[in-house]
Amino acid sequence: MSEPEIYGSTFLGQRLEIWLPPSESVRTLVFAGIHGEEPETSVVLSRSLRALAEPLERCAVVVAANPDGLIRGTRGNARGVDLNRNFPTRDWQPDPVTHRWVVEEPSEVVLSTGEAPGSEPESQALVALVEKLEPSRVIAMHAPLACIDDPEASPEAHWLSEQAQLPVVSGVGYLTPGSFGSWCAERQLPVITYEFPRKSVEQLVLDHLPALTQVLSGSWPFD
């Protein structure tokens, strides 16, 4: 596992790290941990990165897009902002948003969307990173909705679906103003949201490491 580069810092001053391929060409950006209460996404992506026998190939990896939240076990960053509602989109909303402690419970945990669109250093850094790398696609790791979310139902999404044994869906059933996906859609940048099911980290590694290592190594059919 090579040393990462730094693409920004968090509100609390932690480094935002990215692993890049030896060549400057990035076709796929994969990131995890933008919601700090989804640590399984970061753990499985990290293990997939460390499992590679060869360097990354045309793929860049951000293991933890919200390290302050991951350390605290909170969905939002250290300022209580849901970063996935803070991107500078045309549909960004200033009103607070809610989420659930667990999927079965009411959505009543309140989070901010930020003082303004793109107000948070973590979302600013991710925007600047995408603009710098100009990837052809992005895979965003989330949990625990157990699906491959892609409004375009792309061949890449169907390949991931087959590998992961998860259904392809065109949405998660609710609006996501100010999300990373909305920001990318405004720029016609394809985004696939890879939603893990609710399983142990060890089982998720067993189930998803084979597909993820193919993506990271550039050995899947799309690079």
C-alpha atoms as a PDB file:
ATOM      1  CA  MET A   1       0.000   0.000   0.000  1.00  0.00           C
ATOM      2  CA  SER A   2       1.621   3.227  -1.145  1.00  0.00           C
ATOM      3  CA  GLU A   3       1.623   6.478   0.779  1.00  0.00           C
ATOM      4  CA  PRO A   4      -1.387   8.748   0.216  1.00  0.00           C
ATOM      5  CA  GLU A   5      -1.387  12.328  -0.937  1.00  0.00           C
ATOM      6  CA  ILE A   6      -3.224  15.063   0.946  1.00  0.00           C
ATOM      7  CA  TYR A   7      -6.124  16.767  -0.785  1.00  0.00           C
ATOM      8  CA  GLY A   8      -7.380  18.930   2.100  1.00  0.00           C
ATOM      9  CA  SER A   9      -8.101  18.984   5.808  1.00  0.00           C
ATOM     10  CA  THR A  10     -11.144  18.665   8.041  1.00  0.00           C
ATOM     11  CA  PHE A  11     -12.701  21.246  10.348  1.00  0.00           C
ATOM     12  CA  LEU A  12     -10.608  19.790  13.191  1.00  0.00           C
ATOM     13  CA  GLY A  13      -7.453  19.786  11.077  1.00  0.00           C
ATOM     14  CA  GLN A  14      -7.226  16.120  10.181  1.00  0.00           C
ATOM     15  CA  ARG A  15      -5.671  15.220   6.854  1.00  0.00           C
ATOM     16  CA  LEU A  16      -7.926  14.246   3.973  1.00  0.00           C
ATOM     17  CA  GLU A  17      -6.019  11.524   2.158  1.00  0.00           C
ATOM     18  CA  ILE A  18      -6.213  10.066  -1.327  1.00  0.00           C
ATOM     19  CA  TRP A  19      -4.411   7.099  -2.841  1.00  0.00           C
ATOM     20  CA  LEU A  20      -3.578   7.717  -6.494  1.00  0.00           C
ATOM     21  CA  PRO A  21      -2.403   5.439  -9.310  1.00  0.00           C
ATOM     22  CA  PRO A  22       1.207   5.798 -10.508  1.00  0.00           C
ATOM     23  CA  SER A  23      -0.047   7.286 -13.772  1.00  0.00           C
ATOM     24  CA  GLU A  24      -1.853  10.618 -13.760  1.00  0.00           C
ATOM     25  CA  SER A  25      -4.890   9.196 -15.551  1.00  0.00           C
ATOM     26  CA  VAL A  26      -7.870   8.515 -13.243  1.00  0.00           C
ATOM     27  CA  ARG A  27     -10.922   6.863 -14.727  1.00  0.00           C
ATOM     28  CA  THR A  28     -12.684   5.946 -11.467  1.00  0.00           C
ATOM     29  CA  LEU A  29     -12.779   7.718  -8.115  1.00  0.00           C
ATOM     30  CA  VAL A  30     -13.984   5.570  -5.200  1.00  0.00           C
ATOM     31  CA  PHE A  31     -14.687   7.152  -1.827  1.00  0.00           C
ATOM     32  CA  ALA A  32     -16.146   5.990   1.484  1.00  0.00           C
ATOM     33  CA  GLY A  33     -16.950   7.330   4.920  1.00  0.00           C
ATOM     34  CA  ILE A  34     -18.671  10.599   4.034  1.00  0.00           C
ATOM     35  CA  HIS A  35     -21.178   9.608   6.727  1.00  0.00           C
ATOM     36  CA  GLY A  36     -19.248   8.906   9.896  1.00  0.00           C
ATOM     37  CA  GLU A  37     -21.771   6.380  11.229  1.00  0.00           C
ATOM     38  CA  GLU A  38     -21.081   4.162   8.212  1.00  0.00           C
ATOM     39  CA  PRO A  39     -17.559   3.032   9.222  1.00  0.00           C
ATOM     40  CA  GLU A  40     -17.953  -0.328   7.490  1.00  0.00           C
ATOM     41  CA  THR A  41     -17.596   1.456   4.150  1.00  0.00           C
ATOM     42  CA  SER A  42     -14.162   2.771   5.113  1.00  0.00           C
ATOM     43  CA  VAL A  43     -12.976  -0.511   6.606  1.00  0.00           C
ATOM     44  CA  VAL A  44     -13.961  -2.614   3.589  1.00  0.00           C
ATOM     45  CA  LEU A  45     -12.536  -0.108   1.107  1.00  0.00           C
ATOM     46  CA  SER A  46      -9.297   0.060   3.101  1.00  0.00           C
ATOM     47  CA  ARG A  47      -8.966  -3.717   3.144  1.00  0.00           C
ATOM     48  CA  SER A  48      -9.631  -3.855  -0.578  1.00  0.00           C
ATOM     49  CA  LEU A  49      -6.886  -1.302  -1.165  1.00  0.00           C
ATOM     50  CA  ARG A  50      -4.427  -3.198   1.037  1.00  0.00           C
ATOM     51  CA  ALA A  51      -5.310  -6.498  -0.644  1.00  0.00           C
ATOM     52  CA  LEU A  52      -4.040  -5.354  -4.044  1.00  0.00           C
ATOM     53  CA  ALA A  53      -1.030  -7.269  -5.329  1.00  0.00           C
ATOM     54  CA  GLU A  54      -0.203  -4.465  -7.777  1.00  0.00           C
ATOM     55  CA  PRO A  55      -0.500  -0.658  -7.610  1.00  0.00           C
ATOM     56  CA  LEU A  56      -3.771   1.067  -8.324  1.00  0.00           C
ATOM     57  CA  GLU A  57      -4.618   1.215 -12.006  1.00  0.00           C
ATOM     58  CA  ARG A  58      -6.633   4.202 -13.306  1.00  0.00           C
ATOM     59  CA  CYS A  59      -8.449   4.372  -9.968  1.00  0.00           C
ATOM     60  CA  ALA A  60      -8.154   6.847  -7.081  1.00  0.00           C
ATOM     61  CA  VAL A  61      -9.307   5.992  -3.552  1.00  0.00           C
ATOM     62  CA  VAL A  62     -10.499   8.110  -0.619  1.00  0.00           C
ATOM     63  CA  VAL A  63     -10.965   5.790   2.356  1.00  0.00           C
ATOM     64  CA  ALA A  64     -12.389   8.429   4.706  1.00  0.00           C
ATOM     65  CA  ALA A  65     -14.127  11.517   3.303  1.00  0.00           C
ATOM     66  CA  ASN A  66     -15.294  12.529   6.810  1.00  0.00           C
ATOM     67  CA  PRO A  67     -12.625  11.385   9.289  1.00  0.00           C
ATOM     68  CA  ASP A  68     -13.868  13.693  12.072  1.00  0.00           C
ATOM     69  CA  GLY A  69     -17.279  12.035  11.874  1.00  0.00           C
ATOM     70  CA  LEU A  70     -15.762   8.555  11.684  1.00  0.00           C
ATOM     71  CA  ILE A  71     -13.759   9.153  14.863  1.00  0.00           C
ATOM     72  CA  ARG A  72     -16.818  10.480  16.685  1.00  0.00           C
ATOM     73  CA  GLY A  73     -19.226   7.929  15.197  1.00  0.00           C
ATOM     74  CA  THR A  74     -21.498  10.708  13.937  1.00  0.00           C
ATOM     75  CA  ARG A  75     -23.197  11.003  10.579  1.00  0.00           C
ATOM     76  CA  GLY A  76     -22.142  14.631  10.215  1.00  0.00           C
ATOM     77  CA  ASN A  77     -18.778  16.296  10.531  1.00  0.00           C
ATOM     78  CA  ALA A  78     -17.457  17.960  13.690  1.00  0.00           C
ATOM     79  CA  ARG A  79     -19.771  20.937  13.080  1.00  0.00           C
ATOM     80  CA  GLY A  80     -22.851  18.703  12.929  1.00  0.00           C
ATOM     81  CA  VAL A  81     -23.253  19.124   9.170  1.00  0.00           C
ATOM     82  CA  ASP A  82     -24.413  16.275   6.963  1.00  0.00           C
ATOM     83  CA  LEU A  83     -21.730  16.628   4.303  1.00  0.00           C
ATOM     84  CA  ASN A  84     -23.883  14.792   1.788  1.00  0.00           C
ATOM     85  CA  ARG A  85     -26.380  17.670   1.950  1.00  0.00           C
ATOM     86  CA  ASN A  86     -23.752  20.440   1.810  1.00  0.00           C
ATOM     87  CA  PHE A  87     -22.552  20.347  -1.792  1.00  0.00           C
ATOM     88  CA  PRO A  88     -22.986  23.508  -3.890  1.00  0.00           C
ATOM     89  CA  THR A  89     -25.944  22.376  -5.973  1.00  0.00           C
ATOM     90  CA  ARG A  90     -28.849  24.300  -7.420  1.00  0.00           C
ATOM     91  CA  ASP A  91     -31.209  22.379  -5.120  1.00  0.00           C
ATOM     92  CA  TRP A  92     -29.280  22.908  -1.840  1.00  0.00           C
ATOM     93  CA  GLN A  93     -31.642  23.631   1.051  1.00  0.00           C
ATOM     94  CA  PRO A  94     -30.806  25.614   4.233  1.00  0.00           C
ATOM     95  CA  ASP A  95     -33.300  23.772   6.422  1.00  0.00           C
ATOM     96  CA  PRO A  96     -32.004  21.085   8.808  1.00  0.00           C
ATOM     97  CA  VAL A  97     -32.355  17.459   7.768  1.00  0.00           C
ATOM     98  CA  THR A  98     -33.054  14.358   9.831  1.00  0.00           C
ATOM     99  CA  HIS A  99     -31.908  10.761   9.790  1.00  0.00           C
ATOM    100  CA  ARG A 100     -32.598   7.555  11.699  1.00  0.00           C
ATOM    101  CA  TRP A 101     -30.611   5.922  14.491  1.00  0.00           C
ATOM    102  CA  VAL A 102     -31.405   2.669  12.681  1.00  0.00           C
ATOM    103  CA  VAL A 103     -33.454   2.045   9.533  1.00  0.00           C
ATOM    104  CA  GLU A 104     -36.554   0.863  11.414  1.00  0.00           C
ATOM    105  CA  GLU A 105     -36.840   3.937  13.646  1.00  0.00           C
ATOM    106  CA  PRO A 106     -38.356   7.350  12.838  1.00  0.00           C
ATOM    107  CA  SER A 107     -36.155   9.916  11.121  1.00  0.00           C
ATOM    108  CA  GLU A 108     -35.636  12.315  14.021  1.00  0.00           C
ATOM    109  CA  VAL A 109     -31.891  12.920  14.471  1.00  0.00           C
ATOM    110  CA  VAL A 110     -31.377  16.525  13.349  1.00  0.00           C
ATOM    111  CA  LEU A 111     -28.370  17.663  11.319  1.00  0.00           C
ATOM    112  CA  SER A 112     -27.450  20.918   9.640  1.00  0.00           C
ATOM    113  CA  THR A 113     -26.905  21.252   5.902  1.00  0.00           C
ATOM    114  CA  GLY A 114     -24.279  23.938   6.559  1.00  0.00           C
ATOM    115  CA  GLU A 115     -24.249  27.724   6.704  1.00  0.00           C
ATOM    116  CA  ALA A 116     -24.231  27.863   2.895  1.00  0.00           C
ATOM    117  CA  PRO A 117     -23.783  25.501  -0.073  1.00  0.00           C
ATOM    118  CA  GLY A 118     -20.298  24.039   0.085  1.00  0.00           C
ATOM    119  CA  SER A 119     -19.551  25.699   3.425  1.00  0.00           C
ATOM    120  CA  GLU A 120     -17.650  22.762   4.917  1.00  0.00           C
ATOM    121  CA  PRO A 121     -13.937  22.098   4.326  1.00  0.00           C
ATOM    122  CA  GLU A 122     -14.566  18.415   3.645  1.00  0.00           C
ATOM    123  CA  SER A 123     -17.116  19.050   0.895  1.00  0.00           C
ATOM    124  CA  GLN A 124     -14.993  21.874  -0.542  1.00  0.00           C
ATOM    125  CA  ALA A 125     -11.999  19.552  -0.718  1.00  0.00           C
ATOM    126  CA  LEU A 126     -13.958  16.763  -2.412  1.00  0.00           C
ATOM    127  CA  VAL A 127     -15.320  19.185  -5.020  1.00  0.00           C
ATOM    128  CA  ALA A 128     -11.820  20.492  -5.744  1.00  0.00           C
ATOM    129  CA  LEU A 129     -10.505  16.940  -5.957  1.00  0.00           C
ATOM    130  CA  VAL A 130     -13.093  15.867  -8.526  1.00  0.00           C
ATOM    131  CA  GLU A 131     -12.457  18.995 -10.570  1.00  0.00           C
ATOM    132  CA  LYS A 132      -8.722  18.302 -10.497  1.00  0.00           C
ATOM    133  CA  LEU A 133      -8.864  14.572 -11.292  1.00  0.00           C
ATOM    134  CA  GLU A 134     -11.693  14.757 -13.846  1.00  0.00           C
ATOM    135  CA  PRO A 135     -12.675  11.089 -13.409  1.00  0.00           C
ATOM    136  CA  SER A 136     -15.008   9.387 -15.861  1.00  0.00           C
ATOM    137  CA  ARG A 137     -17.130   8.027 -13.021  1.00  0.00           C
ATOM    138  CA  VAL A 138     -17.399   8.011  -9.219  1.00  0.00           C
ATOM    139  CA  ILE A 139     -18.363   5.153  -6.906  1.00  0.00           C
ATOM    140  CA  ALA A 140     -19.622   6.399  -3.541  1.00  0.00           C
ATOM    141  CA  MET A 141     -19.710   3.811  -0.747  1.00  0.00           C
ATOM    142  CA  HIS A 142     -22.632   3.929   1.701  1.00  0.00           C
ATOM    143  CA  ALA A 143     -24.670   1.660   4.010  1.00  0.00           C
ATOM    144  CA  PRO A 144     -27.021  -0.033   4.900  1.00  0.00           C
ATOM    145  CA  LEU A 145     -29.632   0.121   2.093  1.00  0.00           C
ATOM    146  CA  ALA A 146     -28.364  -2.977   0.247  1.00  0.00           C
ATOM    147  CA  CYS A 147     -28.468  -1.792  -3.353  1.00  0.00           C
ATOM    148  CA  ILE A 148     -26.518  -0.356  -6.267  1.00  0.00           C
ATOM    149  CA  ASP A 149     -28.095   3.032  -6.888  1.00  0.00           C
ATOM    150  CA  ASP A 150     -27.573   4.383 -10.407  1.00  0.00           C
ATOM    151  CA  PRO A 151     -30.233   6.515 -12.144  1.00  0.00           C
ATOM    152  CA  GLU A 152     -28.636   5.631 -15.494  1.00  0.00           C
ATOM    153  CA  ALA A 153     -28.638   1.857 -14.838  1.00  0.00           C
ATOM    154  CA  SER A 154     -25.176   1.786 -16.416  1.00  0.00           C
ATOM    155  CA  PRO A 155     -23.287  -1.365 -17.423  1.00  0.00           C
ATOM    156  CA  GLU A 156     -20.917  -0.659 -14.532  1.00  0.00           C
ATOM    157  CA  ALA A 157     -23.823  -0.688 -12.070  1.00  0.00           C
ATOM    158  CA  HIS A 158     -25.131  -3.966 -13.459  1.00  0.00           C
ATOM    159  CA  TRP A 159     -21.660  -5.496 -13.229  1.00  0.00           C
ATOM    160  CA  LEU A 160     -21.388  -4.426  -9.573  1.00  0.00           C
ATOM    161  CA  SER A 161     -24.894  -5.756  -8.973  1.00  0.00           C
ATOM    162  CA  GLU A 162     -23.945  -9.178 -10.301  1.00  0.00           C
ATOM    163  CA  GLN A 163     -20.745  -9.293  -8.301  1.00  0.00           C
ATOM    164  CA  ALA A 164     -22.288  -8.050  -5.061  1.00  0.00           C
ATOM    165  CA  GLN A 165     -25.666  -9.768  -5.425  1.00  0.00           C
ATOM    166  CA  LEU A 166     -27.444  -6.459  -4.836  1.00  0.00           C
ATOM    167  CA  PRO A 167     -30.275  -4.975  -6.918  1.00  0.00           C
ATOM    168  CA  VAL A 168     -29.787  -2.002  -9.218  1.00  0.00           C
ATOM    169  CA  VAL A 169     -32.160   0.838  -8.285  1.00  0.00           C
ATOM    170  CA  SER A 170     -32.735   4.298  -9.735  1.00  0.00           C
ATOM    171  CA  GLY A 171     -33.112   6.024  -6.378  1.00  0.00           C
ATOM    172  CA  VAL A 172     -33.283   5.379  -2.643  1.00  0.00           C
ATOM    173  CA  GLY A 173     -36.870   6.580  -2.179  1.00  0.00           C
ATOM    174  CA  TYR A 174     -36.310  10.115  -0.864  1.00  0.00           C
ATOM    175  CA  LEU A 175     -34.943  13.426  -2.108  1.00  0.00           C
ATOM    176  CA  THR A 176     -31.285  14.306  -1.488  1.00  0.00           C
ATOM    177  CA  PRO A 177     -30.853  18.040  -2.165  1.00  0.00           C
ATOM    178  CA  GLY A 178     -27.283  19.240  -1.828  1.00  0.00           C
ATOM    179  CA  SER A 179     -25.890  15.728  -2.154  1.00  0.00           C
ATOM    180  CA  PHE A 180     -22.682  14.744  -3.881  1.00  0.00           C
ATOM    181  CA  GLY A 181     -24.768  12.816  -6.399  1.00  0.00           C
ATOM    182  CA  SER A 182     -26.825  15.916  -7.210  1.00  0.00           C
ATOM    183  CA  TRP A 183     -23.656  17.979  -7.646  1.00  0.00           C
ATOM    184  CA  CYS A 184     -22.233  15.399 -10.055  1.00  0.00           C
ATOM    185  CA  ALA A 185     -25.521  15.114 -11.960  1.00  0.00           C
ATOM    186  CA  GLU A 186     -25.401  18.859 -12.642  1.00  0.00           C
ATOM    187  CA  ARG A 187     -21.992  18.252 -14.246  1.00  0.00           C
ATOM    188  CA  GLN A 188     -23.087  15.103 -16.083  1.00  0.00           C
ATOM    189  CA  LEU A 189     -20.559  13.058 -14.117  1.00  0.00           C
ATOM    190  CA  PRO A 190     -21.853   9.494 -13.560  1.00  0.00           C
ATOM    191  CA  VAL A 191     -22.090   8.425  -9.914  1.00  0.00           C
ATOM    192  CA  ILE A 192     -22.855   4.928  -8.667  1.00  0.00           C
ATOM    193  CA  THR A 193     -23.860   4.671  -5.012  1.00  0.00           C
ATOM    194  CA  TYR A 194     -22.740   1.301  -3.649  1.00  0.00           C
ATOM    195  CA  GLU A 195     -24.911   0.624  -0.585  1.00  0.00           C
ATOM    196  CA  PHE A 196     -23.746  -2.222   1.631  1.00  0.00           C
ATOM    197  CA  PRO A 197     -26.361  -4.378   3.356  1.00  0.00           C
ATOM    198  CA  ARG A 198     -26.558  -4.600   7.127  1.00  0.00           C
ATOM    199  CA  LYS A 199     -23.950  -7.264   7.860  1.00  0.00           C
ATOM    200  CA  SER A 200     -20.816  -7.628   9.957  1.00  0.00           C
ATOM    201  CA  VAL A 201     -17.619  -6.071   8.646  1.00  0.00           C
ATOM    202  CA  GLU A 202     -16.056  -9.518   8.253  1.00  0.00           C
ATOM    203  CA  GLN A 203     -18.974 -10.708   6.126  1.00  0.00           C
ATOM    204  CA  LEU A 204     -18.921  -7.523   4.067  1.00  0.00           C
ATOM    205  CA  VAL A 205     -15.224  -8.078   3.359  1.00  0.00           C
ATOM    206  CA  LEU A 206     -15.918 -11.637   2.227  1.00  0.00           C
ATOM    207  CA  ASP A 207     -18.827 -10.540   0.047  1.00  0.00           C
ATOM    208  CA  HIS A 208     -17.463  -7.358  -1.516  1.00  0.00           C
ATOM    209  CA  LEU A 209     -13.660  -7.414  -1.512  1.00  0.00           C
ATOM    210  CA  PRO A 210     -13.447  -9.459  -4.766  1.00  0.00           C
ATOM    211  CA  ALA A 211     -15.439  -6.902  -6.770  1.00  0.00           C
ATOM    212  CA  LEU A 212     -13.779  -3.900  -5.176  1.00  0.00           C
ATOM    213  CA  THR A 213     -10.261  -5.205  -5.790  1.00  0.00           C
ATOM    214  CA  GLN A 214     -11.156  -5.669  -9.457  1.00  0.00           C
ATOM    215  CA  VAL A 215     -12.351  -2.063  -9.635  1.00  0.00           C
ATOM    216  CA  LEU A 216      -9.248  -0.725  -7.864  1.00  0.00           C
ATOM    217  CA  SER A 217      -6.850  -2.771  -9.956  1.00  0.00           C
ATOM    218  CA  GLY A 218      -8.516  -1.777 -13.206  1.00  0.00           C
ATOM    219  CA  SER A 219      -9.262  -5.415 -14.028  1.00  0.00           C
ATOM    220  CA  TRP A 220     -13.033  -4.991 -14.232  1.00  0.00           C
ATOM    221  CA  PRO A 221     -14.418  -4.675 -17.787  1.00  0.00           C
ATOM    222  CA  PHE A 222     -14.683  -0.876 -17.875  1.00  0.00           C
ATOM    223  CA  ASP A 223     -11.109   0.495 -17.766  1.00  0.00           C
END
